Amino acid sequence: MTHSSMGDCGTTGRKLAVDFYGGNCNVGGGCPWTKDGTKADLTLNLYARKKALDYVRMHNVSQAKCGIACCIGKKEIEVTIWDEHNNEVESYCESKSPSELIKAFSLDKPIYAQMCKEGLFENIK
């Protein structure tokens, strides 16, 4: 049996996405976990979670999904929100730099042990 990156087939990231987001997760990209706050797979997953939570609170609904698309090296982010029935309810572009997201989620501080213990999204309010 081969372990580590030598045997990585990409399924671990998908399993982690389902573990974090639940069975109704749409997995279209990388794993939502890393210990490097400069990586989009962490910052954009946290941002998508925040956008979905903001929508839920603002519209007093039980759940929402948020998808984010972007290109490496560009500040433009395409944001799409779906309601609990998978109807697209919002779609727009905004500009966020990686450094803004890193600062917003305190990823420039030693918080990774706490995130592992309490959960990836515990501090996303």
C-alpha atoms as a PDB file:
ATOM      1  CA  MET A   1       0.000   0.000   0.000  1.00  0.00           C
ATOM      2  CA  THR A   2       1.303   3.462  -0.890  1.00  0.00           C
ATOM      3  CA  HIS A   3       0.734   6.370   1.504  1.00  0.00           C
ATOM      4  CA  SER A   4       1.394  10.136   1.541  1.00  0.00           C
ATOM      5  CA  SER A   5       1.600  12.272  -1.568  1.00  0.00           C
ATOM      6  CA  MET A   6       2.983   9.292  -3.517  1.00  0.00           C
ATOM      7  CA  GLY A   7      -0.431   7.610  -3.297  1.00  0.00           C
ATOM      8  CA  ASP A   8      -2.688  10.670  -3.320  1.00  0.00           C
ATOM      9  CA  CYS A   9      -5.584  10.282  -5.740  1.00  0.00           C
ATOM     10  CA  GLY A  10      -7.516  13.419  -4.726  1.00  0.00           C
ATOM     11  CA  THR A  11     -10.350  11.712  -2.878  1.00  0.00           C
ATOM     12  CA  THR A  12      -9.231  12.858   0.573  1.00  0.00           C
ATOM     13  CA  GLY A  13      -9.983  16.482  -0.273  1.00  0.00           C
ATOM     14  CA  ARG A  14     -13.431  15.544  -1.506  1.00  0.00           C
ATOM     15  CA  LYS A  15     -14.093  13.544   1.663  1.00  0.00           C
ATOM     16  CA  LEU A  16     -12.971  16.494   3.766  1.00  0.00           C
ATOM     17  CA  ALA A  17     -15.292  18.801   1.831  1.00  0.00           C
ATOM     18  CA  VAL A  18     -18.238  16.521   2.574  1.00  0.00           C
ATOM     19  CA  ASP A  19     -17.135  16.216   6.216  1.00  0.00           C
ATOM     20  CA  PHE A  20     -17.036  19.995   6.548  1.00  0.00           C
ATOM     21  CA  TYR A  21     -20.089  20.923   4.484  1.00  0.00           C
ATOM     22  CA  GLY A  22     -22.310  17.854   4.801  1.00  0.00           C
ATOM     23  CA  GLY A  23     -23.874  15.503   2.289  1.00  0.00           C
ATOM     24  CA  ASN A  24     -25.374  18.289   0.173  1.00  0.00           C
ATOM     25  CA  CYS A  25     -21.913  19.567  -0.722  1.00  0.00           C
ATOM     26  CA  ASN A  26     -21.094  20.357  -4.341  1.00  0.00           C
ATOM     27  CA  VAL A  27     -17.399  19.629  -4.718  1.00  0.00           C
ATOM     28  CA  GLY A  28     -15.841  21.288  -7.701  1.00  0.00           C
ATOM     29  CA  GLY A  29     -12.335  22.097  -6.605  1.00  0.00           C
ATOM     30  CA  GLY A  30      -9.610  21.535  -4.095  1.00  0.00           C
ATOM     31  CA  CYS A  31      -9.649  20.410  -0.535  1.00  0.00           C
ATOM     32  CA  PRO A  32     -10.824  23.016   2.000  1.00  0.00           C
ATOM     33  CA  TRP A  33      -7.942  22.380   4.352  1.00  0.00           C
ATOM     34  CA  THR A  34      -4.363  23.512   4.455  1.00  0.00           C
ATOM     35  CA  LYS A  35      -2.086  25.026   7.035  1.00  0.00           C
ATOM     36  CA  ASP A  36      -1.085  27.811   4.662  1.00  0.00           C
ATOM     37  CA  GLY A  37      -3.391  30.811   4.966  1.00  0.00           C
ATOM     38  CA  THR A  38      -2.066  32.227   1.716  1.00  0.00           C
ATOM     39  CA  LYS A  39      -3.714  29.427  -0.263  1.00  0.00           C
ATOM     40  CA  ALA A  40      -7.043  29.991  -1.992  1.00  0.00           C
ATOM     41  CA  ASP A  41      -8.282  26.532  -1.015  1.00  0.00           C
ATOM     42  CA  LEU A  42      -8.520  27.805   2.565  1.00  0.00           C
ATOM     43  CA  THR A  43      -9.304  31.506   2.183  1.00  0.00           C
ATOM     44  CA  LEU A  44     -11.976  31.075  -0.490  1.00  0.00           C
ATOM     45  CA  ASN A  45     -13.671  28.164   1.298  1.00  0.00           C
ATOM     46  CA  LEU A  46     -13.899  30.298   4.428  1.00  0.00           C
ATOM     47  CA  TYR A  47     -15.183  33.237   2.392  1.00  0.00           C
ATOM     48  CA  ALA A  48     -17.812  31.104   0.642  1.00  0.00           C
ATOM     49  CA  ARG A  49     -18.975  29.806   4.021  1.00  0.00           C
ATOM     50  CA  LYS A  50     -19.231  33.383   5.322  1.00  0.00           C
ATOM     51  CA  LYS A  51     -21.203  34.525   2.261  1.00  0.00           C
ATOM     52  CA  ALA A  52     -23.657  31.623   2.673  1.00  0.00           C
ATOM     53  CA  LEU A  53     -24.094  32.355   6.385  1.00  0.00           C
ATOM     54  CA  ASP A  54     -24.610  36.058   5.646  1.00  0.00           C
ATOM     55  CA  TYR A  55     -27.350  35.167   3.153  1.00  0.00           C
ATOM     56  CA  VAL A  56     -29.042  32.798   5.620  1.00  0.00           C
ATOM     57  CA  ARG A  57     -29.079  35.456   8.324  1.00  0.00           C
ATOM     58  CA  MET A  58     -30.130  38.304   6.045  1.00  0.00           C
ATOM     59  CA  HIS A  59     -33.022  36.396   4.463  1.00  0.00           C
ATOM     60  CA  ASN A  60     -33.998  34.289   7.493  1.00  0.00           C
ATOM     61  CA  VAL A  61     -33.814  30.983   5.601  1.00  0.00           C
ATOM     62  CA  SER A  62     -32.646  27.590   6.825  1.00  0.00           C
ATOM     63  CA  GLN A  63     -29.733  27.121   4.426  1.00  0.00           C
ATOM     64  CA  ALA A  64     -27.926  28.458   1.398  1.00  0.00           C
ATOM     65  CA  LYS A  65     -24.960  27.447  -0.716  1.00  0.00           C
ATOM     66  CA  CYS A  66     -22.271  29.714  -2.067  1.00  0.00           C
ATOM     67  CA  GLY A  67     -19.979  29.021  -4.992  1.00  0.00           C
ATOM     68  CA  ILE A  68     -16.932  31.127  -5.713  1.00  0.00           C
ATOM     69  CA  ALA A  69     -14.874  31.161  -8.901  1.00  0.00           C
ATOM     70  CA  CYS A  70     -11.696  33.105  -9.529  1.00  0.00           C
ATOM     71  CA  CYS A  71      -8.394  33.067 -11.372  1.00  0.00           C
ATOM     72  CA  ILE A  72      -5.067  32.868  -9.609  1.00  0.00           C
ATOM     73  CA  GLY A  73      -3.440  36.277  -9.431  1.00  0.00           C
ATOM     74  CA  LYS A  74      -6.624  38.280  -9.988  1.00  0.00           C
ATOM     75  CA  LYS A  75      -8.750  40.071  -7.384  1.00  0.00           C
ATOM     76  CA  GLU A  76     -12.062  39.481  -9.164  1.00  0.00           C
ATOM     77  CA  ILE A  77     -14.237  36.844  -7.519  1.00  0.00           C
ATOM     78  CA  GLU A  78     -17.474  35.522  -9.003  1.00  0.00           C
ATOM     79  CA  VAL A  79     -19.953  34.756  -6.221  1.00  0.00           C
ATOM     80  CA  THR A  80     -23.129  32.709  -6.707  1.00  0.00           C
ATOM     81  CA  ILE A  81     -25.675  31.966  -3.989  1.00  0.00           C
ATOM     82  CA  TRP A  82     -28.283  29.172  -4.193  1.00  0.00           C
ATOM     83  CA  ASP A  83     -31.242  28.769  -1.854  1.00  0.00           C
ATOM     84  CA  GLU A  84     -32.301  25.567  -0.097  1.00  0.00           C
ATOM     85  CA  HIS A  85     -34.061  24.408  -3.291  1.00  0.00           C
ATOM     86  CA  ASN A  86     -30.903  24.889  -5.404  1.00  0.00           C
ATOM     87  CA  ASN A  87     -32.365  27.960  -7.130  1.00  0.00           C
ATOM     88  CA  GLU A  88     -29.764  30.553  -7.995  1.00  0.00           C
ATOM     89  CA  VAL A  89     -30.767  33.667  -6.058  1.00  0.00           C
ATOM     90  CA  GLU A  90     -27.713  35.905  -6.418  1.00  0.00           C
ATOM     91  CA  SER A  91     -24.772  36.133  -8.766  1.00  0.00           C
ATOM     92  CA  TYR A  92     -22.259  38.958  -8.822  1.00  0.00           C
ATOM     93  CA  CYS A  93     -18.581  39.847  -9.052  1.00  0.00           C
ATOM     94  CA  GLU A  94     -16.565  41.529  -6.362  1.00  0.00           C
ATOM     95  CA  SER A  95     -12.950  42.383  -5.785  1.00  0.00           C
ATOM     96  CA  LYS A  96     -11.092  40.868  -2.827  1.00  0.00           C
ATOM     97  CA  SER A  97      -7.360  40.519  -2.541  1.00  0.00           C
ATOM     98  CA  PRO A  98      -5.869  37.453  -0.871  1.00  0.00           C
ATOM     99  CA  SER A  99      -4.361  39.707   1.798  1.00  0.00           C
ATOM    100  CA  GLU A 100      -7.833  41.079   2.673  1.00  0.00           C
ATOM    101  CA  LEU A 101      -9.178  37.566   3.209  1.00  0.00           C
ATOM    102  CA  ILE A 102      -6.091  36.442   5.134  1.00  0.00           C
ATOM    103  CA  LYS A 103      -6.514  39.404   7.491  1.00  0.00           C
ATOM    104  CA  ALA A 104     -10.322  38.997   7.775  1.00  0.00           C
ATOM    105  CA  PHE A 105      -9.987  35.373   8.911  1.00  0.00           C
ATOM    106  CA  SER A 106      -6.806  35.920  11.008  1.00  0.00           C
ATOM    107  CA  LEU A 107      -4.922  33.401   8.880  1.00  0.00           C
ATOM    108  CA  ASP A 108      -1.715  35.324   9.476  1.00  0.00           C
ATOM    109  CA  LYS A 109      -1.818  34.251  13.131  1.00  0.00           C
ATOM    110  CA  PRO A 110      -1.118  30.849  14.725  1.00  0.00           C
ATOM    111  CA  ILE A 111      -4.749  29.652  14.797  1.00  0.00           C
ATOM    112  CA  TYR A 112      -4.469  26.320  13.003  1.00  0.00           C
ATOM    113  CA  ALA A 113      -4.348  24.118  16.120  1.00  0.00           C
ATOM    114  CA  GLN A 114      -7.514  25.863  17.338  1.00  0.00           C
ATOM    115  CA  MET A 115      -9.152  25.372  13.918  1.00  0.00           C
ATOM    116  CA  CYS A 116      -8.320  21.656  14.032  1.00  0.00           C
ATOM    117  CA  LYS A 117      -9.736  21.338  17.532  1.00  0.00           C
ATOM    118  CA  GLU A 118     -12.883  23.465  17.161  1.00  0.00           C
ATOM    119  CA  GLY A 119     -13.607  23.083  13.475  1.00  0.00           C
ATOM    120  CA  LEU A 120     -12.678  24.942  10.348  1.00  0.00           C
ATOM    121  CA  PHE A 121     -15.683  27.259  10.424  1.00  0.00           C
ATOM    122  CA  GLU A 122     -16.073  27.860  14.169  1.00  0.00           C
ATOM    123  CA  ASN A 123     -14.776  31.436  13.957  1.00  0.00           C
ATOM    124  CA  ILE A 124     -16.785  32.376  10.857  1.00  0.00           C
ATOM    125  CA  LYS A 125     -19.607  34.505  12.175  1.00  0.00           C
END
